[in-house]
């Protein structure tokens, strides 16, 4: 939705998730980081 809707002014840099199989892999050309408890580290 974000990629189609330019009026949102958002650029998705990455995902964050707790799923071990997804972490450090790409989903829709975006890297998935994790786990979620380390969120603030990645936002910085």
ModelCIF file with pLDDT and N, C-alpha, C, O atoms, coordinates in Angstrom:
data_MODEL
#
_entry.id   MODEL 
#
_entity.id                         1 
_entity.type                       polymer 
_entity.pdbx_number_of_molecules   1 
#
_entity_poly.entity_id                      1 
_entity_poly.type                           'polypeptide(L)' 
_entity_poly.nstd_linkage                   no 
_entity_poly.nstd_monomer                   no 
_entity_poly.pdbx_seq_one_letter_code       
;(UNK)(UNK)(UNK)(UNK)(UNK)(UNK)(UNK)(UNK)(UNK)(UNK)(UNK)(UNK)(UNK)(UNK)(UNK)(UNK)
(UNK)(UNK)(UNK)(UNK)(UNK)(UNK)(UNK)(UNK)(UNK)(UNK)(UNK)(UNK)(UNK)(UNK)(UNK)(UNK)
(UNK)(UNK)(UNK)(UNK)(UNK)(UNK)(UNK)(UNK)(UNK)(UNK)(UNK)(UNK)
;
_entity_poly.pdbx_seq_one_letter_code_can   XXXXXXXXXXXXXXXXXXXXXXXXXXXXXXXXXXXXXXXXXXXX 
_entity_poly.pdbx_strand_id                 A 
#
loop_
_entity_poly_seq.entity_id 
_entity_poly_seq.num 
_entity_poly_seq.mon_id 
_entity_poly_seq.hetero 
1 1  UNK n 
1 2  UNK n 
1 3  UNK n 
1 4  UNK n 
1 5  UNK n 
1 6  UNK n 
1 7  UNK n 
1 8  UNK n 
1 9  UNK n 
1 10 UNK n 
1 11 UNK n 
1 12 UNK n 
1 13 UNK n 
1 14 UNK n 
1 15 UNK n 
1 16 UNK n 
1 17 UNK n 
1 18 UNK n 
1 19 UNK n 
1 20 UNK n 
1 21 UNK n 
1 22 UNK n 
1 23 UNK n 
1 24 UNK n 
1 25 UNK n 
1 26 UNK n 
1 27 UNK n 
1 28 UNK n 
1 29 UNK n 
1 30 UNK n 
1 31 UNK n 
1 32 UNK n 
1 33 UNK n 
1 34 UNK n 
1 35 UNK n 
1 36 UNK n 
1 37 UNK n 
1 38 UNK n 
1 39 UNK n 
1 40 UNK n 
1 41 UNK n 
1 42 UNK n 
1 43 UNK n 
1 44 UNK n 
#
_struct_asym.id          A 
_struct_asym.entity_id   1 
#
loop_
_ma_qa_metric.id 
_ma_qa_metric.mode 
_ma_qa_metric.name 
_ma_qa_metric.software_group_id 
_ma_qa_metric.type 
1 global pLDDT . pLDDT 
2 local  pLDDT . pLDDT 
#
_ma_qa_metric_global.metric_id      1 
_ma_qa_metric_global.metric_value   91.36 
_ma_qa_metric_global.model_id       1 
_ma_qa_metric_global.ordinal_id     1 
#
loop_
_ma_qa_metric_local.label_asym_id 
_ma_qa_metric_local.label_comp_id 
_ma_qa_metric_local.label_seq_id 
_ma_qa_metric_local.metric_id 
_ma_qa_metric_local.metric_value 
_ma_qa_metric_local.model_id 
_ma_qa_metric_local.ordinal_id 
A UNK 1  2 83.00 1 1  
A UNK 2  2 85.00 1 2  
A UNK 3  2 86.00 1 3  
A UNK 4  2 82.00 1 4  
A UNK 5  2 78.00 1 5  
A UNK 6  2 78.00 1 6  
A UNK 7  2 78.00 1 7  
A UNK 8  2 77.00 1 8  
A UNK 9  2 84.00 1 9  
A UNK 10 2 89.00 1 10 
A UNK 11 2 93.00 1 11 
A UNK 12 2 94.00 1 12 
A UNK 13 2 95.00 1 13 
A UNK 14 2 96.00 1 14 
A UNK 15 2 96.00 1 15 
A UNK 16 2 96.00 1 16 
A UNK 17 2 95.00 1 17 
A UNK 18 2 93.00 1 18 
A UNK 19 2 93.00 1 19 
A UNK 20 2 93.00 1 20 
A UNK 21 2 93.00 1 21 
A UNK 22 2 94.00 1 22 
A UNK 23 2 94.00 1 23 
A UNK 24 2 95.00 1 24 
A UNK 25 2 95.00 1 25 
A UNK 26 2 94.00 1 26 
A UNK 27 2 93.00 1 27 
A UNK 28 2 93.00 1 28 
A UNK 29 2 93.00 1 29 
A UNK 30 2 95.00 1 30 
A UNK 31 2 95.00 1 31 
A UNK 32 2 96.00 1 32 
A UNK 33 2 96.00 1 33 
A UNK 34 2 91.00 1 34 
A UNK 35 2 94.00 1 35 
A UNK 36 2 94.00 1 36 
A UNK 37 2 93.00 1 37 
A UNK 38 2 94.00 1 38 
A UNK 39 2 93.00 1 39 
A UNK 40 2 93.00 1 40 
A UNK 41 2 95.00 1 41 
A UNK 42 2 95.00 1 42 
A UNK 43 2 94.00 1 43 
A UNK 44 2 94.00 1 44 
#
loop_
_atom_site.group_PDB 
_atom_site.id 
_atom_site.type_symbol 
_atom_site.label_atom_id 
_atom_site.label_alt_id 
_atom_site.label_comp_id 
_atom_site.label_asym_id 
_atom_site.label_entity_id 
_atom_site.label_seq_id 
_atom_site.pdbx_PDB_ins_code 
_atom_site.Cartn_x 
_atom_site.Cartn_y 
_atom_site.Cartn_z 
_atom_site.occupancy 
_atom_site.B_iso_or_equiv 
_atom_site.pdbx_formal_charge 
_atom_site.auth_seq_id 
_atom_site.auth_comp_id 
_atom_site.auth_asym_id 
_atom_site.auth_atom_id 
_atom_site.pdbx_PDB_model_num 
ATOM 1   N N  . UNK A 1 1  ? 0.840  -1.200  0.000  1.00 83.00 ? 1  UNK A N  1 
ATOM 2   C CA . UNK A 1 1  ? 0.000  0.000   0.000  1.00 83.00 ? 1  UNK A CA 1 
ATOM 3   C C  . UNK A 1 1  ? 0.877  1.253   0.000  1.00 83.00 ? 1  UNK A C  1 
ATOM 4   O O  . UNK A 1 1  ? 0.610  2.210   -0.727 1.00 83.00 ? 1  UNK A O  1 
ATOM 5   N N  . UNK A 1 2  ? 1.941  1.233   0.837  1.00 85.00 ? 2  UNK A N  1 
ATOM 6   C CA . UNK A 1 2  ? 2.833  2.397   0.938  1.00 85.00 ? 2  UNK A CA 1 
ATOM 7   C C  . UNK A 1 2  ? 3.534  2.642   -0.393 1.00 85.00 ? 2  UNK A C  1 
ATOM 8   O O  . UNK A 1 2  ? 3.689  3.784   -0.826 1.00 85.00 ? 2  UNK A O  1 
ATOM 9   N N  . UNK A 1 3  ? 3.955  1.550   -1.036 1.00 86.00 ? 3  UNK A N  1 
ATOM 10  C CA . UNK A 1 3  ? 4.689  1.712   -2.300 1.00 86.00 ? 3  UNK A CA 1 
ATOM 11  C C  . UNK A 1 3  ? 3.773  2.240   -3.404 1.00 86.00 ? 3  UNK A C  1 
ATOM 12  O O  . UNK A 1 3  ? 4.223  2.958   -4.297 1.00 86.00 ? 3  UNK A O  1 
ATOM 13  N N  . UNK A 1 4  ? 2.489  1.883   -3.340 1.00 82.00 ? 4  UNK A N  1 
ATOM 14  C CA . UNK A 1 4  ? 1.562  2.354   -4.371 1.00 82.00 ? 4  UNK A CA 1 
ATOM 15  C C  . UNK A 1 4  ? 1.046  3.757   -4.068 1.00 82.00 ? 4  UNK A C  1 
ATOM 16  O O  . UNK A 1 4  ? 0.767  4.538   -4.978 1.00 82.00 ? 4  UNK A O  1 
ATOM 17  N N  . UNK A 1 5  ? 0.922  4.065   -2.786 1.00 78.00 ? 5  UNK A N  1 
ATOM 18  C CA . UNK A 1 5  ? 0.264  5.311   -2.388 1.00 78.00 ? 5  UNK A CA 1 
ATOM 19  C C  . UNK A 1 5  ? 1.311  6.364   -2.023 1.00 78.00 ? 5  UNK A C  1 
ATOM 20  O O  . UNK A 1 5  ? 1.762  6.444   -0.880 1.00 78.00 ? 5  UNK A O  1 
ATOM 21  N N  . UNK A 1 6  ? 1.686  7.170   -3.020 1.00 78.00 ? 6  UNK A N  1 
ATOM 22  C CA . UNK A 1 6  ? 2.775  8.145   -2.819 1.00 78.00 ? 6  UNK A CA 1 
ATOM 23  C C  . UNK A 1 6  ? 2.394  9.227   -1.808 1.00 78.00 ? 6  UNK A C  1 
ATOM 24  O O  . UNK A 1 6  ? 3.261  9.853   -1.199 1.00 78.00 ? 6  UNK A O  1 
ATOM 25  N N  . UNK A 1 7  ? 1.080  9.439   -1.636 1.00 78.00 ? 7  UNK A N  1 
ATOM 26  C CA . UNK A 1 7  ? 0.659  10.530  -0.740 1.00 78.00 ? 7  UNK A CA 1 
ATOM 27  C C  . UNK A 1 7  ? 1.000  10.239  0.718  1.00 78.00 ? 7  UNK A C  1 
ATOM 28  O O  . UNK A 1 7  ? 0.943  11.133  1.562  1.00 78.00 ? 7  UNK A O  1 
ATOM 29  N N  . UNK A 1 8  ? 1.354  8.988   1.015  1.00 77.00 ? 8  UNK A N  1 
ATOM 30  C CA . UNK A 1 8  ? 1.678  8.650   2.409  1.00 77.00 ? 8  UNK A CA 1 
ATOM 31  C C  . UNK A 1 8  ? 3.041  9.202   2.833  1.00 77.00 ? 8  UNK A C  1 
ATOM 32  O O  . UNK A 1 8  ? 3.320  9.334   4.025  1.00 77.00 ? 8  UNK A O  1 
ATOM 33  N N  . UNK A 1 9  ? 3.895  9.527   1.843  1.00 84.00 ? 9  UNK A N  1 
ATOM 34  C CA . UNK A 1 9  ? 5.240  10.071  2.153  1.00 84.00 ? 9  UNK A CA 1 
ATOM 35  C C  . UNK A 1 9  ? 6.080  9.158   3.024  1.00 84.00 ? 9  UNK A C  1 
ATOM 36  O O  . UNK A 1 9  ? 6.885  9.638   3.822  1.00 84.00 ? 9  UNK A O  1 
ATOM 37  N N  . UNK A 1 10 ? 5.907  7.839   2.887  1.00 89.00 ? 10 UNK A N  1 
ATOM 38  C CA . UNK A 1 10 ? 6.673  6.905   3.719  1.00 89.00 ? 10 UNK A CA 1 
ATOM 39  C C  . UNK A 1 10 ? 7.644  6.116   2.841  1.00 89.00 ? 10 UNK A C  1 
ATOM 40  O O  . UNK A 1 10 ? 7.325  5.757   1.708  1.00 89.00 ? 10 UNK A O  1 
ATOM 41  N N  . UNK A 1 11 ? 8.825  5.856   3.379  1.00 93.00 ? 11 UNK A N  1 
ATOM 42  C CA . UNK A 1 11 ? 9.786  4.993   2.694  1.00 93.00 ? 11 UNK A CA 1 
ATOM 43  C C  . UNK A 1 11 ? 10.143 3.858   3.649  1.00 93.00 ? 11 UNK A C  1 
ATOM 44  O O  . UNK A 1 11 ? 10.823 4.083   4.650  1.00 93.00 ? 11 UNK A O  1 
ATOM 45  N N  . UNK A 1 12 ? 9.693  2.643   3.349  1.00 94.00 ? 12 UNK A N  1 
ATOM 46  C CA . UNK A 1 12 ? 9.964  1.517   4.244  1.00 94.00 ? 12 UNK A CA 1 
ATOM 47  C C  . UNK A 1 12 ? 11.420 1.095   4.097  1.00 94.00 ? 12 UNK A C  1 
ATOM 48  O O  . UNK A 1 12 ? 11.854 0.674   3.025  1.00 94.00 ? 12 UNK A O  1 
ATOM 49  N N  . UNK A 1 13 ? 12.166 1.215   5.192  1.00 95.00 ? 13 UNK A N  1 
ATOM 50  C CA . UNK A 1 13 ? 13.597 0.906   5.191  1.00 95.00 ? 13 UNK A CA 1 
ATOM 51  C C  . UNK A 1 13 ? 13.808 -0.577  5.495  1.00 95.00 ? 13 UNK A C  1 
ATOM 52  O O  . UNK A 1 13 ? 14.681 -1.220  4.912  1.00 95.00 ? 13 UNK A O  1 
ATOM 53  N N  . UNK A 1 14 ? 12.992 -1.118  6.421  1.00 96.00 ? 14 UNK A N  1 
ATOM 54  C CA . UNK A 1 14 ? 13.202 -2.508  6.844  1.00 96.00 ? 14 UNK A CA 1 
ATOM 55  C C  . UNK A 1 14 ? 11.982 -3.016  7.603  1.00 96.00 ? 14 UNK A C  1 
ATOM 56  O O  . UNK A 1 14 ? 11.098 -2.257  8.001  1.00 96.00 ? 14 UNK A O  1 
ATOM 57  N N  . UNK A 1 15 ? 11.977 -4.343  7.785  1.00 96.00 ? 15 UNK A N  1 
ATOM 58  C CA . UNK A 1 15 ? 11.014 -4.988  8.681  1.00 96.00 ? 15 UNK A CA 1 
ATOM 59  C C  . UNK A 1 15 ? 11.731 -5.369  9.970  1.00 96.00 ? 15 UNK A C  1 
ATOM 60  O O  . UNK A 1 15 ? 12.958 -5.465  9.999  1.00 96.00 ? 15 UNK A O  1 
ATOM 61  N N  . UNK A 1 16 ? 10.963 -5.585  11.039 1.00 96.00 ? 16 UNK A N  1 
ATOM 62  C CA . UNK A 1 16 ? 11.526 -6.231  12.227 1.00 96.00 ? 16 UNK A CA 1 
ATOM 63  C C  . UNK A 1 16 ? 10.529 -7.293  12.680 1.00 96.00 ? 16 UNK A C  1 
ATOM 64  O O  . UNK A 1 16 ? 9.322  -7.053  12.657 1.00 96.00 ? 16 UNK A O  1 
ATOM 65  N N  . UNK A 1 17 ? 11.011 -8.452  13.087 1.00 95.00 ? 17 UNK A N  1 
ATOM 66  C CA . UNK A 1 17 ? 10.135 -9.585  13.371 1.00 95.00 ? 17 UNK A CA 1 
ATOM 67  C C  . UNK A 1 17 ? 10.816 -10.499 14.374 1.00 95.00 ? 17 UNK A C  1 
ATOM 68  O O  . UNK A 1 17 ? 12.025 -10.412 14.591 1.00 95.00 ? 17 UNK A O  1 
ATOM 69  N N  . UNK A 1 18 ? 10.024 -11.381 14.987 1.00 93.00 ? 18 UNK A N  1 
ATOM 70  C CA . UNK A 1 18 ? 10.590 -12.362 15.934 1.00 93.00 ? 18 UNK A CA 1 
ATOM 71  C C  . UNK A 1 18 ? 10.830 -13.724 15.287 1.00 93.00 ? 18 UNK A C  1 
ATOM 72  O O  . UNK A 1 18 ? 11.427 -14.606 15.904 1.00 93.00 ? 18 UNK A O  1 
ATOM 73  N N  . UNK A 1 19 ? 10.370 -13.900 14.054 1.00 93.00 ? 19 UNK A N  1 
ATOM 74  C CA . UNK A 1 19 ? 10.476 -15.201 13.382 1.00 93.00 ? 19 UNK A CA 1 
ATOM 75  C C  . UNK A 1 19 ? 11.927 -15.448 12.951 1.00 93.00 ? 19 UNK A C  1 
ATOM 76  O O  . UNK A 1 19 ? 12.459 -14.756 12.083 1.00 93.00 ? 19 UNK A O  1 
ATOM 77  N N  . UNK A 1 20 ? 12.553 -16.457 13.582 1.00 93.00 ? 20 UNK A N  1 
ATOM 78  C CA . UNK A 1 20 ? 13.982 -16.719 13.311 1.00 93.00 ? 20 UNK A CA 1 
ATOM 79  C C  . UNK A 1 20 ? 14.259 -16.982 11.833 1.00 93.00 ? 20 UNK A C  1 
ATOM 80  O O  . UNK A 1 20 ? 15.315 -16.622 11.315 1.00 93.00 ? 20 UNK A O  1 
ATOM 81  N N  . UNK A 1 21 ? 13.290 -17.619 11.160 1.00 93.00 ? 21 UNK A N  1 
ATOM 82  C CA . UNK A 1 21 ? 13.520 -17.953 9.750  1.00 93.00 ? 21 UNK A CA 1 
ATOM 83  C C  . UNK A 1 21 ? 13.513 -16.700 8.871  1.00 93.00 ? 21 UNK A C  1 
ATOM 84  O O  . UNK A 1 21 ? 14.115 -16.689 7.798  1.00 93.00 ? 21 UNK A O  1 
ATOM 85  N N  . UNK A 1 22 ? 12.838 -15.657 9.323  1.00 94.00 ? 22 UNK A N  1 
ATOM 86  C CA . UNK A 1 22 ? 12.776 -14.432 8.509  1.00 94.00 ? 22 UNK A CA 1 
ATOM 87  C C  . UNK A 1 22 ? 13.951 -13.499 8.805  1.00 94.00 ? 22 UNK A C  1 
ATOM 88  O O  . UNK A 1 22 ? 14.419 -12.787 7.917  1.00 94.00 ? 22 UNK A O  1 
ATOM 89  N N  . UNK A 1 23 ? 14.431 -13.504 10.070 1.00 94.00 ? 23 UNK A N  1 
ATOM 90  C CA . UNK A 1 23 ? 15.476 -12.558 10.468 1.00 94.00 ? 23 UNK A CA 1 
ATOM 91  C C  . UNK A 1 23 ? 16.711 -12.745 9.587  1.00 94.00 ? 23 UNK A C  1 
ATOM 92  O O  . UNK A 1 23 ? 17.143 -13.872 9.341  1.00 94.00 ? 23 UNK A O  1 
ATOM 93  N N  . UNK A 1 24 ? 17.277 -11.625 9.113  1.00 95.00 ? 24 UNK A N  1 
ATOM 94  C CA . UNK A 1 24 ? 18.461 -11.584 8.229  1.00 95.00 ? 24 UNK A CA 1 
ATOM 95  C C  . UNK A 1 24 ? 18.168 -12.141 6.839  1.00 95.00 ? 24 UNK A C  1 
ATOM 96  O O  . UNK A 1 24 ? 19.091 -12.466 6.092  1.00 95.00 ? 24 UNK A O  1 
ATOM 97  N N  . UNK A 1 25 ? 16.886 -12.251 6.490  1.00 95.00 ? 25 UNK A N  1 
ATOM 98  C CA . UNK A 1 25 ? 16.510 -12.577 5.113  1.00 95.00 ? 25 UNK A CA 1 
ATOM 99  C C  . UNK A 1 25 ? 15.662 -11.436 4.561  1.00 95.00 ? 25 UNK A C  1 
ATOM 100 O O  . UNK A 1 25 ? 15.234 -10.540 5.289  1.00 95.00 ? 25 UNK A O  1 
ATOM 101 N N  . UNK A 1 26 ? 15.435 -11.500 3.249  1.00 94.00 ? 26 UNK A N  1 
ATOM 102 C CA . UNK A 1 26 ? 14.650 -10.442 2.617  1.00 94.00 ? 26 UNK A CA 1 
ATOM 103 C C  . UNK A 1 26 ? 13.198 -10.853 2.474  1.00 94.00 ? 26 UNK A C  1 
ATOM 104 O O  . UNK A 1 26 ? 12.902 -12.003 2.149  1.00 94.00 ? 26 UNK A O  1 
ATOM 105 N N  . UNK A 1 27 ? 12.273 -9.897  2.720  1.00 93.00 ? 27 UNK A N  1 
ATOM 106 C CA . UNK A 1 27 ? 10.859 -10.069 2.408  1.00 93.00 ? 27 UNK A CA 1 
ATOM 107 C C  . UNK A 1 27 ? 10.490 -8.888  1.519  1.00 93.00 ? 27 UNK A C  1 
ATOM 108 O O  . UNK A 1 27 ? 10.617 -7.734  1.928  1.00 93.00 ? 27 UNK A O  1 
ATOM 109 N N  . UNK A 1 28 ? 10.032 -9.179  0.297  1.00 93.00 ? 28 UNK A N  1 
ATOM 110 C CA . UNK A 1 28 ? 9.694  -8.108  -0.657 1.00 93.00 ? 28 UNK A CA 1 
ATOM 111 C C  . UNK A 1 28 ? 10.840 -7.102  -0.807 1.00 93.00 ? 28 UNK A C  1 
ATOM 112 O O  . UNK A 1 28 ? 10.631 -5.889  -0.775 1.00 93.00 ? 28 UNK A O  1 
ATOM 113 N N  . UNK A 1 29 ? 12.038 -7.627  -0.970 1.00 93.00 ? 29 UNK A N  1 
ATOM 114 C CA . UNK A 1 29 ? 13.230 -6.777  -1.160 1.00 93.00 ? 29 UNK A CA 1 
ATOM 115 C C  . UNK A 1 29 ? 13.591 -5.903  0.035  1.00 93.00 ? 29 UNK A C  1 
ATOM 116 O O  . UNK A 1 29 ? 14.394 -4.980  -0.097 1.00 93.00 ? 29 UNK A O  1 
ATOM 117 N N  . UNK A 1 30 ? 13.006 -6.182  1.201  1.00 95.00 ? 30 UNK A N  1 
ATOM 118 C CA . UNK A 1 30 ? 13.384 -5.424  2.409  1.00 95.00 ? 30 UNK A CA 1 
ATOM 119 C C  . UNK A 1 30 ? 13.992 -6.401  3.408  1.00 95.00 ? 30 UNK A C  1 
ATOM 120 O O  . UNK A 1 30 ? 13.479 -7.502  3.607  1.00 95.00 ? 30 UNK A O  1 
ATOM 121 N N  . UNK A 1 31 ? 15.077 -5.990  4.027  1.00 95.00 ? 31 UNK A N  1 
ATOM 122 C CA . UNK A 1 31 ? 15.729 -6.858  5.011  1.00 95.00 ? 31 UNK A CA 1 
ATOM 123 C C  . UNK A 1 31 ? 14.874 -6.934  6.277  1.00 95.00 ? 31 UNK A C  1 
ATOM 124 O O  . UNK A 1 31 ? 14.290 -5.939  6.708  1.00 95.00 ? 31 UNK A O  1 
ATOM 125 N N  . UNK A 1 32 ? 14.811 -8.135  6.864  1.00 96.00 ? 32 UNK A N  1 
ATOM 126 C CA . UNK A 1 32 ? 14.087 -8.317  8.127  1.00 96.00 ? 32 UNK A CA 1 
ATOM 127 C C  . UNK A 1 32 ? 15.111 -8.397  9.260  1.00 96.00 ? 32 UNK A C  1 
ATOM 128 O O  . UNK A 1 32 ? 16.021 -9.225  9.227  1.00 96.00 ? 32 UNK A O  1 
ATOM 129 N N  . UNK A 1 33 ? 14.954 -7.532  10.255 1.00 96.00 ? 33 UNK A N  1 
ATOM 130 C CA . UNK A 1 33 ? 15.819 -7.559  11.429 1.00 96.00 ? 33 UNK A CA 1 
ATOM 131 C C  . UNK A 1 33 ? 15.034 -8.128  12.602 1.00 96.00 ? 33 UNK A C  1 
ATOM 132 O O  . UNK A 1 33 ? 13.830 -8.358  12.491 1.00 96.00 ? 33 UNK A O  1 
ATOM 133 N N  . UNK A 1 34 ? 15.699 -8.353  13.708 1.00 91.00 ? 34 UNK A N  1 
ATOM 134 C CA . UNK A 1 34 ? 14.995 -8.887  14.875 1.00 91.00 ? 34 UNK A CA 1 
ATOM 135 C C  . UNK A 1 34 ? 15.981 -9.213  15.972 1.00 91.00 ? 34 UNK A C  1 
ATOM 136 O O  . UNK A 1 34 ? 17.185 -9.039  15.785 1.00 91.00 ? 34 UNK A O  1 
ATOM 137 N N  . UNK A 1 35 ? 15.496 -9.689  17.133 1.00 94.00 ? 35 UNK A N  1 
ATOM 138 C CA . UNK A 1 35 ? 14.082 -9.800  17.515 1.00 94.00 ? 35 UNK A CA 1 
ATOM 139 C C  . UNK A 1 35 ? 13.481 -8.428  17.851 1.00 94.00 ? 35 UNK A C  1 
ATOM 140 O O  . UNK A 1 35 ? 14.192 -7.426  17.926 1.00 94.00 ? 35 UNK A O  1 
ATOM 141 N N  . UNK A 1 36 ? 12.166 -8.407  18.051 1.00 94.00 ? 36 UNK A N  1 
ATOM 142 C CA . UNK A 1 36 ? 11.459 -7.142  18.271 1.00 94.00 ? 36 UNK A CA 1 
ATOM 143 C C  . UNK A 1 36 ? 11.930 -6.443  19.547 1.00 94.00 ? 36 UNK A C  1 
ATOM 144 O O  . UNK A 1 36 ? 11.871 -5.217  19.638 1.00 94.00 ? 36 UNK A O  1 
ATOM 145 N N  . UNK A 1 37 ? 12.397 -7.217  20.536 1.00 93.00 ? 37 UNK A N  1 
ATOM 146 C CA . UNK A 1 37 ? 12.821 -6.547  21.782 1.00 93.00 ? 37 UNK A CA 1 
ATOM 147 C C  . UNK A 1 37 ? 14.017 -5.606  21.554 1.00 93.00 ? 37 UNK A C  1 
ATOM 148 O O  . UNK A 1 37 ? 14.269 -4.714  22.365 1.00 93.00 ? 37 UNK A O  1 
ATOM 149 N N  . UNK A 1 38 ? 14.761 -5.810  20.433 1.00 94.00 ? 38 UNK A N  1 
ATOM 150 C CA . UNK A 1 38 ? 15.901 -4.925  20.114 1.00 94.00 ? 38 UNK A CA 1 
ATOM 151 C C  . UNK A 1 38 ? 15.490 -3.755  19.229 1.00 94.00 ? 38 UNK A C  1 
ATOM 152 O O  . UNK A 1 38 ? 16.333 -3.080  18.638 1.00 94.00 ? 38 UNK A O  1 
ATOM 153 N N  . UNK A 1 39 ? 14.194 -3.526  19.148 1.00 93.00 ? 39 UNK A N  1 
ATOM 154 C CA . UNK A 1 39 ? 13.626 -2.504  18.283 1.00 93.00 ? 39 UNK A CA 1 
ATOM 155 C C  . UNK A 1 39 ? 14.344 -1.157  18.330 1.00 93.00 ? 39 UNK A C  1 
ATOM 156 O O  . UNK A 1 39 ? 14.703 -0.595  17.295 1.00 93.00 ? 39 UNK A O  1 
ATOM 157 N N  . UNK A 1 40 ? 14.548 -0.645  19.554 1.00 93.00 ? 40 UNK A N  1 
ATOM 158 C CA . UNK A 1 40 ? 15.079 0.724   19.684 1.00 93.00 ? 40 UNK A CA 1 
ATOM 159 C C  . UNK A 1 40 ? 16.490 0.840   19.130 1.00 93.00 ? 40 UNK A C  1 
ATOM 160 O O  . UNK A 1 40 ? 16.897 1.905   18.665 1.00 93.00 ? 40 UNK A O  1 
ATOM 161 N N  . UNK A 1 41 ? 17.244 -0.274  19.180 1.00 95.00 ? 41 UNK A N  1 
ATOM 162 C CA . UNK A 1 41 ? 18.601 -0.297  18.611 1.00 95.00 ? 41 UNK A CA 1 
ATOM 163 C C  . UNK A 1 41 ? 18.523 -0.047  17.102 1.00 95.00 ? 41 UNK A C  1 
ATOM 164 O O  . UNK A 1 41 ? 19.294 0.734   16.544 1.00 95.00 ? 41 UNK A O  1 
ATOM 165 N N  . UNK A 1 42 ? 17.568 -0.732  16.457 1.00 95.00 ? 42 UNK A N  1 
ATOM 166 C CA . UNK A 1 42 ? 17.452 -0.610  14.995 1.00 95.00 ? 42 UNK A CA 1 
ATOM 167 C C  . UNK A 1 42 ? 16.850 0.730   14.581 1.00 95.00 ? 42 UNK A C  1 
ATOM 168 O O  . UNK A 1 42 ? 17.235 1.290   13.555 1.00 95.00 ? 42 UNK A O  1 
ATOM 169 N N  . UNK A 1 43 ? 15.906 1.251   15.373 1.00 94.00 ? 43 UNK A N  1 
ATOM 170 C CA . UNK A 1 43 ? 15.323 2.545   14.981 1.00 94.00 ? 43 UNK A CA 1 
ATOM 171 C C  . UNK A 1 43 ? 16.402 3.633   15.035 1.00 94.00 ? 43 UNK A C  1 
ATOM 172 O O  . UNK A 1 43 ? 16.410 4.539   14.201 1.00 94.00 ? 43 UNK A O  1 
ATOM 173 N N  . UNK A 1 44 ? 17.306 3.546   16.006 1.00 94.00 ? 44 UNK A N  1 
ATOM 174 C CA . UNK A 1 44 ? 18.414 4.520   16.072 1.00 94.00 ? 44 UNK A CA 1 
ATOM 175 C C  . UNK A 1 44 ? 19.353 4.316   14.892 1.00 94.00 ? 44 UNK A C  1 
ATOM 176 O O  . UNK A 1 44 ? 20.346 5.032   14.762 1.00 94.00 ? 44 UNK A O  1 
#
